[in-house]
Amino acid sequence: MQTITETTQENPMRSIRLAKVTVHIAVGKSGEMLEKARKVLEEITSQKPCTKAARMTIKEFGIREGEPIACLTTLRGDKATAFLKRGLEAVGKTLRKSSFDENGNFAFGIREHIEIPGTKYAPELGIFGMDVIGTLERPGYRVKRRRIRPTSIGKSHRVTRDDAVKFVSENFGVQIREA
């Protein structure tokens, strides 16, 4: 498994890597539209998506708590890198600096899934927009997620906003805009 990493000569534990890419389509209601969104997401990512349920009831939108309203899939490794490259092509390889948070995550939206290179329009499915979320981390982040004796990550080892901007612009050729 080969992923894109930023190598640091002094200390290999300071290198940054793409941990995962999450692709999310929110439909807002269950039924036929959600099934079409699942098919589109499976076609684009080559991976079976899972559904997400509403956390609360919103009468104005006709949503009940526990009703499935969205689908998502998480990509890791080479699949994540390949999809992120295609997703960035769809937005013209430009991101806002405000798309990056303080923890090394970044997100952007794709208005129509047919903007992704290699995707064809299927009239029976329709057109869906999606959110793409990338997570960056350094080696050693496993201690935060492990089951036995999880520990917090030290402040100096976390990926900062500036580190994430530099990594994405160097490895994916992305232009970063202010605001």
Protein backbone atom coordinates (compact mmCIF):
# COMPACT_ATOMS: atom_id res chain seq x y z
CA MET A 1 0.00 0.00 0.00
CA GLN A 2 1.59 3.24 -1.14
CA THR A 3 0.23 6.60 -0.12
CA ILE A 4 1.42 10.13 -0.69
CA THR A 5 3.50 11.38 2.22
CA GLU A 6 5.63 14.41 2.84
CA THR A 7 9.04 13.12 3.83
CA THR A 8 11.16 14.82 6.40
CA GLN A 9 14.85 13.95 6.48
CA GLU A 10 15.38 14.68 10.19
CA ASN A 11 12.56 12.69 11.75
CA PRO A 12 10.28 10.23 9.92
CA MET A 13 7.63 10.65 12.62
CA ARG A 14 7.13 14.27 11.48
CA SER A 15 6.08 13.24 7.96
CA ILE A 16 2.48 13.94 6.97
CA ARG A 17 0.24 11.47 5.11
CA LEU A 18 -3.27 11.29 3.76
CA ALA A 19 -5.12 9.12 6.27
CA LYS A 20 -8.56 8.94 4.64
CA VAL A 21 -11.01 10.60 2.30
CA THR A 22 -14.70 10.60 3.20
CA VAL A 23 -17.28 11.17 0.45
CA HIS A 24 -20.75 12.18 1.65
CA ILE A 25 -24.04 12.70 -0.19
CA ALA A 26 -26.94 14.11 1.84
CA VAL A 27 -30.33 13.68 0.18
CA GLY A 28 -32.57 14.83 3.04
CA LYS A 29 -35.14 12.05 2.71
CA SER A 30 -35.25 8.29 2.50
CA GLY A 31 -36.62 6.19 -0.30
CA GLU A 32 -35.87 6.19 -3.99
CA MET A 33 -33.65 9.30 -3.98
CA LEU A 34 -31.40 7.82 -1.31
CA GLU A 35 -31.08 4.56 -3.24
CA LYS A 36 -30.08 6.50 -6.38
CA ALA A 37 -27.50 8.44 -4.35
CA ARG A 38 -26.10 5.14 -3.03
CA LYS A 39 -25.75 3.82 -6.58
CA VAL A 40 -24.00 7.01 -7.72
CA LEU A 41 -21.61 6.91 -4.76
CA GLU A 42 -20.84 3.23 -5.33
CA GLU A 43 -20.20 3.90 -9.04
CA ILE A 44 -17.85 6.81 -8.33
CA THR A 45 -15.84 5.29 -5.46
CA SER A 46 -16.02 1.56 -6.35
CA GLN A 47 -16.93 0.90 -2.74
CA LYS A 48 -20.23 0.10 -1.02
CA PRO A 49 -21.57 3.15 0.90
CA CYS A 50 -23.35 3.08 4.26
CA THR A 51 -26.42 5.11 5.17
CA LYS A 52 -26.61 7.72 7.91
CA ALA A 53 -29.75 8.45 9.92
CA ALA A 54 -31.16 11.79 11.01
CA ARG A 55 -30.15 12.74 14.54
CA MET A 56 -33.25 14.81 15.28
CA THR A 57 -36.77 15.47 14.01
CA ILE A 58 -37.26 18.61 11.90
CA LYS A 59 -40.94 19.06 11.06
CA GLU A 60 -40.34 21.87 8.55
CA PHE A 61 -38.29 19.56 6.34
CA GLY A 62 -40.34 16.43 6.99
CA ILE A 63 -37.43 14.58 8.63
CA ARG A 64 -37.92 12.17 11.52
CA GLU A 65 -35.25 11.09 13.97
CA GLY A 66 -33.67 7.78 12.89
CA GLU A 67 -34.80 8.10 9.27
CA PRO A 68 -31.97 7.38 6.77
CA ILE A 69 -31.22 10.63 4.91
CA ALA A 70 -27.60 10.39 3.68
CA CYS A 71 -24.93 7.98 2.52
CA LEU A 72 -21.16 8.04 2.81
CA THR A 73 -18.08 6.00 2.16
CA THR A 74 -14.56 6.21 3.54
CA LEU A 75 -11.59 5.62 1.25
CA ARG A 76 -8.10 4.81 2.49
CA GLY A 77 -4.72 4.19 0.88
CA ASP A 78 -4.34 4.33 -2.89
CA LYS A 79 -8.10 4.56 -3.46
CA ALA A 80 -8.21 7.70 -1.32
CA THR A 81 -5.34 9.34 -3.19
CA ALA A 82 -6.79 8.49 -6.61
CA PHE A 83 -10.27 9.75 -5.73
CA LEU A 84 -8.92 12.94 -4.15
CA LYS A 85 -6.99 13.74 -7.34
CA ARG A 86 -10.17 13.25 -9.40
CA GLY A 87 -12.24 15.28 -6.94
CA LEU A 88 -9.79 18.17 -6.99
CA GLU A 89 -9.92 18.15 -10.81
CA ALA A 90 -13.69 18.68 -10.52
CA VAL A 91 -13.20 21.91 -8.55
CA GLY A 92 -10.41 23.21 -10.77
CA LYS A 93 -7.61 22.37 -8.31
CA THR A 94 -8.39 25.41 -6.16
CA LEU A 95 -9.38 25.44 -2.49
CA ARG A 96 -10.02 28.23 -0.03
CA LYS A 97 -7.79 28.57 2.98
CA SER A 98 -10.97 28.54 5.09
CA SER A 99 -11.56 24.95 3.87
CA PHE A 100 -8.78 23.80 6.22
CA ASP A 101 -9.34 23.43 9.95
CA GLU A 102 -6.84 23.55 12.84
CA ASN A 103 -6.50 19.76 13.00
CA GLY A 104 -5.25 18.99 9.50
CA ASN A 105 -8.60 18.28 7.88
CA PHE A 106 -9.91 19.91 4.73
CA ALA A 107 -13.22 19.77 2.92
CA PHE A 108 -14.75 20.92 -0.33
CA GLY A 109 -17.99 20.41 -2.18
CA ILE A 110 -18.69 19.18 -5.68
CA ARG A 111 -21.92 20.62 -7.09
CA GLU A 112 -22.60 17.85 -9.63
CA HIS A 113 -21.06 14.40 -9.57
CA ILE A 114 -20.73 14.40 -13.36
CA GLU A 115 -17.98 17.06 -13.03
CA ILE A 116 -15.63 14.35 -11.72
CA PRO A 117 -13.41 13.12 -14.58
CA GLY A 118 -14.37 9.67 -15.83
CA THR A 119 -17.98 9.90 -14.64
CA LYS A 120 -20.81 9.60 -17.13
CA TYR A 121 -24.33 10.94 -16.75
CA ALA A 122 -27.03 8.32 -16.20
CA PRO A 123 -30.52 9.82 -16.73
CA GLU A 124 -32.19 7.16 -14.56
CA LEU A 125 -30.03 8.18 -11.55
CA GLY A 126 -29.98 11.97 -11.88
CA ILE A 127 -27.38 14.41 -10.60
CA PHE A 128 -26.13 14.65 -7.01
CA GLY A 129 -23.78 16.99 -5.20
CA MET A 130 -21.35 15.72 -2.61
CA ASP A 131 -18.92 16.71 0.10
CA VAL A 132 -15.34 15.45 0.06
CA ILE A 133 -13.41 15.51 3.34
CA GLY A 134 -9.69 14.74 3.54
CA THR A 135 -7.93 13.86 6.79
CA LEU A 136 -4.18 14.28 7.22
CA GLU A 137 -2.12 12.74 10.01
CA ARG A 138 1.38 11.90 11.12
CA PRO A 139 2.69 8.45 12.08
CA GLY A 140 1.72 7.65 15.66
CA TYR A 141 -1.90 8.80 15.46
CA ARG A 142 -2.90 5.19 16.10
CA VAL A 143 -2.46 5.75 19.85
CA LYS A 144 -5.50 8.03 19.75
CA ARG A 145 -7.76 5.40 18.15
CA ARG A 146 -6.55 2.16 19.71
CA ARG A 147 -8.90 0.18 21.91
CA ILE A 148 -6.56 -0.49 24.85
CA ARG A 149 -5.16 2.58 26.62
CA PRO A 150 -5.96 5.29 24.07
CA THR A 151 -3.95 8.47 24.58
CA SER A 152 -4.21 12.01 23.30
CA ILE A 153 -1.82 13.35 20.68
CA GLY A 154 0.64 15.99 21.85
CA LYS A 155 0.17 19.52 20.55
CA SER A 156 3.53 19.59 18.77
CA HIS A 157 2.72 16.37 16.88
CA ARG A 158 -0.66 17.51 15.50
CA VAL A 159 -1.02 18.65 11.89
CA THR A 160 -1.61 22.40 11.81
CA ARG A 161 -3.53 24.40 9.21
CA ASP A 162 -0.30 25.67 7.64
CA ASP A 163 1.16 22.14 7.46
CA ALA A 164 -2.02 20.88 5.77
CA VAL A 165 -2.07 23.76 3.25
CA LYS A 166 1.58 23.14 2.37
CA PHE A 167 1.07 19.37 2.02
CA VAL A 168 -2.00 19.64 -0.22
CA SER A 169 -0.51 22.34 -2.44
CA GLU A 170 2.79 20.47 -2.92
CA ASN A 171 1.46 16.93 -3.39
CA PHE A 172 -1.75 17.61 -5.33
CA GLY A 173 -0.86 20.84 -7.14
CA VAL A 174 -3.71 22.79 -5.57
CA GLN A 175 -3.92 26.59 -5.61
CA ILE A 176 -4.92 28.00 -2.22
CA ARG A 177 -7.09 31.14 -2.25
CA GLU A 178 -7.61 33.52 0.64
CA ALA A 179 -11.19 33.69 1.94
